[in-house]
Amino acid sequence: MASKNMRDNFVSKPAYEVVPAIDVIGRLRAMTLMSNSLVPGSNMYIEAGWIFKMPDPNPNIFEHVHDYDEIVIHLGTDPEDQEDLGAEIEFVVDGETLTINKTSAVYVPKGVKHGPLTWKKFWRPHLECTIMIGAGSLAQADPGGHQKVIADK
């Protein structure tokens, strides 16, 4: 259980523990904003990173599946139109292609195949954030797992 002292539950300096399996031009290294190592007992893994130009290679997040629920968030950065993502992304979830071009969140239930994420257009930097519910550590979250193509396609 997390501490009742709110200062113990406050993360003011993210960790940079996620090491990409491949170098991706156009993406900054993801920041870990919440984990059991940052806030013991949180049982949550949250990471966020900037996409500052068209990613290369693209796609760089392939089909994968988790044993926890996940929320994938894409946030636009235009102060005049915060709903404008600044990109168009195709995100395949359970075989269905979603087109993302607005600030959005996608709930991916445990056990549902998702990916690839493919950037089709890019016109402004934006943020990508994932919330892994019940995965409190890097090992449990396995964010590098998105680099592994599922063999049973």
C-alpha atoms as a PDB file:
ATOM      1  CA  MET A   1       0.000   0.000   0.000  1.00  0.00           C
ATOM      2  CA  ALA A   2       1.231   3.483  -0.822  1.00  0.00           C
ATOM      3  CA  SER A   3       2.155   5.846   2.002  1.00  0.00           C
ATOM      4  CA  LYS A   4      -0.444   8.072   3.649  1.00  0.00           C
ATOM      5  CA  ASN A   5       2.179  10.824   3.635  1.00  0.00           C
ATOM      6  CA  MET A   6       1.498  12.594   0.340  1.00  0.00           C
ATOM      7  CA  ARG A   7       5.109  13.749  -0.011  1.00  0.00           C
ATOM      8  CA  ASP A   8       6.078  10.067  -0.263  1.00  0.00           C
ATOM      9  CA  ASN A   9       3.578   9.676  -3.124  1.00  0.00           C
ATOM     10  CA  PHE A  10       4.787  12.722  -5.079  1.00  0.00           C
ATOM     11  CA  VAL A  11       7.188  12.123  -7.988  1.00  0.00           C
ATOM     12  CA  SER A  12       8.981  15.350  -8.876  1.00  0.00           C
ATOM     13  CA  LYS A  13      11.844  13.740 -10.803  1.00  0.00           C
ATOM     14  CA  PRO A  14      11.024  11.005 -13.303  1.00  0.00           C
ATOM     15  CA  ALA A  15      13.184   7.927 -13.746  1.00  0.00           C
ATOM     16  CA  TYR A  16      14.727   7.100 -17.108  1.00  0.00           C
ATOM     17  CA  GLU A  17      14.808   3.333 -16.725  1.00  0.00           C
ATOM     18  CA  VAL A  18      13.236   2.354 -20.046  1.00  0.00           C
ATOM     19  CA  VAL A  19      15.990   1.572 -22.534  1.00  0.00           C
ATOM     20  CA  PRO A  20      14.592   1.393 -26.074  1.00  0.00           C
ATOM     21  CA  ALA A  21      15.224  -1.883 -27.874  1.00  0.00           C
ATOM     22  CA  ILE A  22      15.921   0.124 -31.022  1.00  0.00           C
ATOM     23  CA  ASP A  23      16.931   3.729 -31.650  1.00  0.00           C
ATOM     24  CA  VAL A  24      13.989   5.773 -32.894  1.00  0.00           C
ATOM     25  CA  ILE A  25      14.602   9.115 -34.567  1.00  0.00           C
ATOM     26  CA  GLY A  26      11.926  11.626 -33.588  1.00  0.00           C
ATOM     27  CA  ARG A  27      11.208  10.284 -30.087  1.00  0.00           C
ATOM     28  CA  LEU A  28      12.732  11.263 -26.786  1.00  0.00           C
ATOM     29  CA  ARG A  29      13.509   8.532 -24.280  1.00  0.00           C
ATOM     30  CA  ALA A  30      10.430   7.788 -22.168  1.00  0.00           C
ATOM     31  CA  MET A  31      10.200   9.100 -18.621  1.00  0.00           C
ATOM     32  CA  THR A  32       8.885   6.779 -15.923  1.00  0.00           C
ATOM     33  CA  LEU A  33       6.514   8.904 -13.849  1.00  0.00           C
ATOM     34  CA  MET A  34       5.131   6.218 -11.523  1.00  0.00           C
ATOM     35  CA  SER A  35       6.303   2.787 -10.425  1.00  0.00           C
ATOM     36  CA  ASN A  36       6.749   0.828  -7.217  1.00  0.00           C
ATOM     37  CA  SER A  37      10.384   1.938  -7.125  1.00  0.00           C
ATOM     38  CA  LEU A  38       9.311   5.615  -7.214  1.00  0.00           C
ATOM     39  CA  VAL A  39       6.216   5.234  -5.008  1.00  0.00           C
ATOM     40  CA  PRO A  40       6.267   1.921  -3.129  1.00  0.00           C
ATOM     41  CA  GLY A  41       2.878   0.226  -3.234  1.00  0.00           C
ATOM     42  CA  SER A  42       1.506   2.249  -6.159  1.00  0.00           C
ATOM     43  CA  ASN A  43       1.258  -0.905  -8.301  1.00  0.00           C
ATOM     44  CA  MET A  44       1.099   1.286 -11.381  1.00  0.00           C
ATOM     45  CA  TYR A  45       3.589   1.914 -14.162  1.00  0.00           C
ATOM     46  CA  ILE A  46       3.252   5.212 -16.018  1.00  0.00           C
ATOM     47  CA  GLU A  47       5.608   6.392 -18.717  1.00  0.00           C
ATOM     48  CA  ALA A  48       5.501   9.365 -21.058  1.00  0.00           C
ATOM     49  CA  GLY A  49       7.620  10.637 -23.901  1.00  0.00           C
ATOM     50  CA  TRP A  50       7.725  13.300 -26.561  1.00  0.00           C
ATOM     51  CA  ILE A  51       7.370  12.620 -30.258  1.00  0.00           C
ATOM     52  CA  PHE A  52       9.043  15.663 -31.805  1.00  0.00           C
ATOM     53  CA  LYS A  53       9.112  14.632 -35.484  1.00  0.00           C
ATOM     54  CA  MET A  54       7.975  11.752 -37.665  1.00  0.00           C
ATOM     55  CA  PRO A  55       9.341   8.604 -35.970  1.00  0.00           C
ATOM     56  CA  ASP A  56      11.863   6.525 -37.897  1.00  0.00           C
ATOM     57  CA  PRO A  57      11.626   3.560 -38.115  1.00  0.00           C
ATOM     58  CA  ASN A  58       7.876   3.678 -38.430  1.00  0.00           C
ATOM     59  CA  PRO A  59       6.217   1.689 -37.029  1.00  0.00           C
ATOM     60  CA  ASN A  60       8.462   1.145 -34.023  1.00  0.00           C
ATOM     61  CA  ILE A  61       5.797  -0.239 -31.693  1.00  0.00           C
ATOM     62  CA  PHE A  62       4.575  -3.580 -33.002  1.00  0.00           C
ATOM     63  CA  GLU A  63       1.741  -5.946 -32.142  1.00  0.00           C
ATOM     64  CA  HIS A  64       1.928  -7.164 -28.547  1.00  0.00           C
ATOM     65  CA  VAL A  65      -0.239  -8.170 -25.603  1.00  0.00           C
ATOM     66  CA  HIS A  66      -0.063  -7.634 -21.822  1.00  0.00           C
ATOM     67  CA  ASP A  67      -1.395  -9.412 -18.757  1.00  0.00           C
ATOM     68  CA  TYR A  68      -2.626  -6.087 -17.320  1.00  0.00           C
ATOM     69  CA  ASP A  69      -5.001  -3.330 -18.431  1.00  0.00           C
ATOM     70  CA  GLU A  70      -3.389  -0.401 -20.211  1.00  0.00           C
ATOM     71  CA  ILE A  71      -4.439   3.122 -21.149  1.00  0.00           C
ATOM     72  CA  VAL A  72      -2.626   4.678 -24.119  1.00  0.00           C
ATOM     73  CA  ILE A  73      -2.867   8.475 -24.248  1.00  0.00           C
ATOM     74  CA  HIS A  74      -1.823  10.856 -27.016  1.00  0.00           C
ATOM     75  CA  LEU A  75      -1.797  14.552 -26.067  1.00  0.00           C
ATOM     76  CA  GLY A  76      -1.631  17.484 -28.461  1.00  0.00           C
ATOM     77  CA  THR A  77       0.494  20.507 -27.573  1.00  0.00           C
ATOM     78  CA  ASP A  78      -1.212  23.362 -29.433  1.00  0.00           C
ATOM     79  CA  PRO A  79      -2.374  25.905 -26.803  1.00  0.00           C
ATOM     80  CA  GLU A  80      -4.850  27.321 -29.344  1.00  0.00           C
ATOM     81  CA  ASP A  81      -6.409  23.885 -30.012  1.00  0.00           C
ATOM     82  CA  GLN A  82      -5.487  21.338 -27.354  1.00  0.00           C
ATOM     83  CA  GLU A  83      -7.567  18.654 -29.090  1.00  0.00           C
ATOM     84  CA  ASP A  84      -5.408  18.796 -32.246  1.00  0.00           C
ATOM     85  CA  LEU A  85      -2.875  16.004 -31.801  1.00  0.00           C
ATOM     86  CA  GLY A  86      -0.360  17.274 -34.338  1.00  0.00           C
ATOM     87  CA  ALA A  87      -0.206  13.900 -36.066  1.00  0.00           C
ATOM     88  CA  GLU A  88      -2.281  11.154 -37.585  1.00  0.00           C
ATOM     89  CA  ILE A  89      -1.612   7.718 -36.129  1.00  0.00           C
ATOM     90  CA  GLU A  90      -3.080   4.343 -37.016  1.00  0.00           C
ATOM     91  CA  PHE A  91      -3.362   2.145 -33.923  1.00  0.00           C
ATOM     92  CA  VAL A  92      -4.561  -1.438 -34.378  1.00  0.00           C
ATOM     93  CA  VAL A  93      -6.433  -2.776 -31.334  1.00  0.00           C
ATOM     94  CA  ASP A  94      -7.884  -6.302 -31.406  1.00  0.00           C
ATOM     95  CA  GLY A  95      -7.679  -6.288 -35.209  1.00  0.00           C
ATOM     96  CA  GLU A  96      -9.519  -2.946 -35.582  1.00  0.00           C
ATOM     97  CA  THR A  97      -7.634   0.068 -36.949  1.00  0.00           C
ATOM     98  CA  LEU A  98      -8.242   3.281 -35.008  1.00  0.00           C
ATOM     99  CA  THR A  99      -7.251   6.582 -36.621  1.00  0.00           C
ATOM    100  CA  ILE A 100      -5.946   9.014 -34.008  1.00  0.00           C
ATOM    101  CA  ASN A 101      -5.599  12.678 -34.950  1.00  0.00           C
ATOM    102  CA  LYS A 102      -7.015  14.287 -31.806  1.00  0.00           C
ATOM    103  CA  THR A 103      -5.940  14.248 -28.175  1.00  0.00           C
ATOM    104  CA  SER A 104      -7.287  10.880 -27.034  1.00  0.00           C
ATOM    105  CA  ALA A 105      -7.118   7.924 -24.694  1.00  0.00           C
ATOM    106  CA  VAL A 106      -7.574   4.249 -25.579  1.00  0.00           C
ATOM    107  CA  TYR A 107      -8.348   1.648 -22.912  1.00  0.00           C
ATOM    108  CA  VAL A 108      -6.794  -1.709 -23.847  1.00  0.00           C
ATOM    109  CA  PRO A 109      -8.047  -4.538 -21.611  1.00  0.00           C
ATOM    110  CA  LYS A 110      -5.696  -7.230 -20.355  1.00  0.00           C
ATOM    111  CA  GLY A 111      -5.064  -9.918 -22.982  1.00  0.00           C
ATOM    112  CA  VAL A 112      -6.099  -7.809 -26.004  1.00  0.00           C
ATOM    113  CA  LYS A 113      -3.574  -7.699 -28.848  1.00  0.00           C
ATOM    114  CA  HIS A 114      -2.664  -4.175 -29.893  1.00  0.00           C
ATOM    115  CA  GLY A 115      -0.214  -2.582 -32.270  1.00  0.00           C
ATOM    116  CA  PRO A 116       1.309  -1.625 -34.464  1.00  0.00           C
ATOM    117  CA  LEU A 117       1.182   2.143 -34.004  1.00  0.00           C
ATOM    118  CA  THR A 118       1.982   3.758 -37.330  1.00  0.00           C
ATOM    119  CA  TRP A 119       2.419   7.507 -37.775  1.00  0.00           C
ATOM    120  CA  LYS A 120       0.836   8.494 -41.107  1.00  0.00           C
ATOM    121  CA  LYS A 121       1.269  12.281 -40.821  1.00  0.00           C
ATOM    122  CA  PHE A 122       3.128  14.611 -38.493  1.00  0.00           C
ATOM    123  CA  TRP A 123       2.804  18.385 -38.128  1.00  0.00           C
ATOM    124  CA  ARG A 124       3.483  19.176 -34.454  1.00  0.00           C
ATOM    125  CA  PRO A 125       5.240  17.608 -31.459  1.00  0.00           C
ATOM    126  CA  HIS A 126       2.958  15.677 -29.115  1.00  0.00           C
ATOM    127  CA  LEU A 127       3.122  13.452 -26.052  1.00  0.00           C
ATOM    128  CA  GLU A 128       2.518   9.735 -25.743  1.00  0.00           C
ATOM    129  CA  CYS A 129       1.724   8.351 -22.296  1.00  0.00           C
ATOM    130  CA  THR A 130       0.934   4.822 -21.177  1.00  0.00           C
ATOM    131  CA  ILE A 131      -0.656   3.844 -17.888  1.00  0.00           C
ATOM    132  CA  MET A 132      -0.149   0.191 -17.007  1.00  0.00           C
ATOM    133  CA  ILE A 133      -2.615  -0.703 -14.279  1.00  0.00           C
ATOM    134  CA  GLY A 134      -1.282  -3.388 -11.954  1.00  0.00           C
ATOM    135  CA  ALA A 135       2.237  -3.414 -13.406  1.00  0.00           C
ATOM    136  CA  GLY A 136       4.253  -1.744 -10.682  1.00  0.00           C
ATOM    137  CA  SER A 137       7.743  -2.333 -12.041  1.00  0.00           C
ATOM    138  CA  LEU A 138       9.675  -2.125 -15.274  1.00  0.00           C
ATOM    139  CA  ALA A 139       9.922  -5.923 -15.336  1.00  0.00           C
ATOM    140  CA  GLN A 140       6.139  -6.302 -14.930  1.00  0.00           C
ATOM    141  CA  ALA A 141       5.348  -3.547 -17.432  1.00  0.00           C
ATOM    142  CA  ASP A 142       7.867  -4.873 -19.968  1.00  0.00           C
ATOM    143  CA  PRO A 143       7.654  -1.707 -22.057  1.00  0.00           C
ATOM    144  CA  GLY A 144      10.342  -3.207 -24.283  1.00  0.00           C
ATOM    145  CA  GLY A 145       7.821  -5.942 -25.034  1.00  0.00           C
ATOM    146  CA  HIS A 146       6.304  -3.719 -27.669  1.00  0.00           C
ATOM    147  CA  GLN A 147       9.405  -4.467 -29.725  1.00  0.00           C
ATOM    148  CA  LYS A 148       8.546  -8.178 -29.833  1.00  0.00           C
ATOM    149  CA  VAL A 149       6.318  -9.177 -32.719  1.00  0.00           C
ATOM    150  CA  ILE A 150       3.772 -11.761 -31.578  1.00  0.00           C
ATOM    151  CA  ALA A 151       4.554 -15.055 -33.301  1.00  0.00           C
ATOM    152  CA  ASP A 152       0.978 -16.345 -33.559  1.00  0.00           C
ATOM    153  CA  LYS A 153      -0.326 -13.766 -36.053  1.00  0.00           C
END
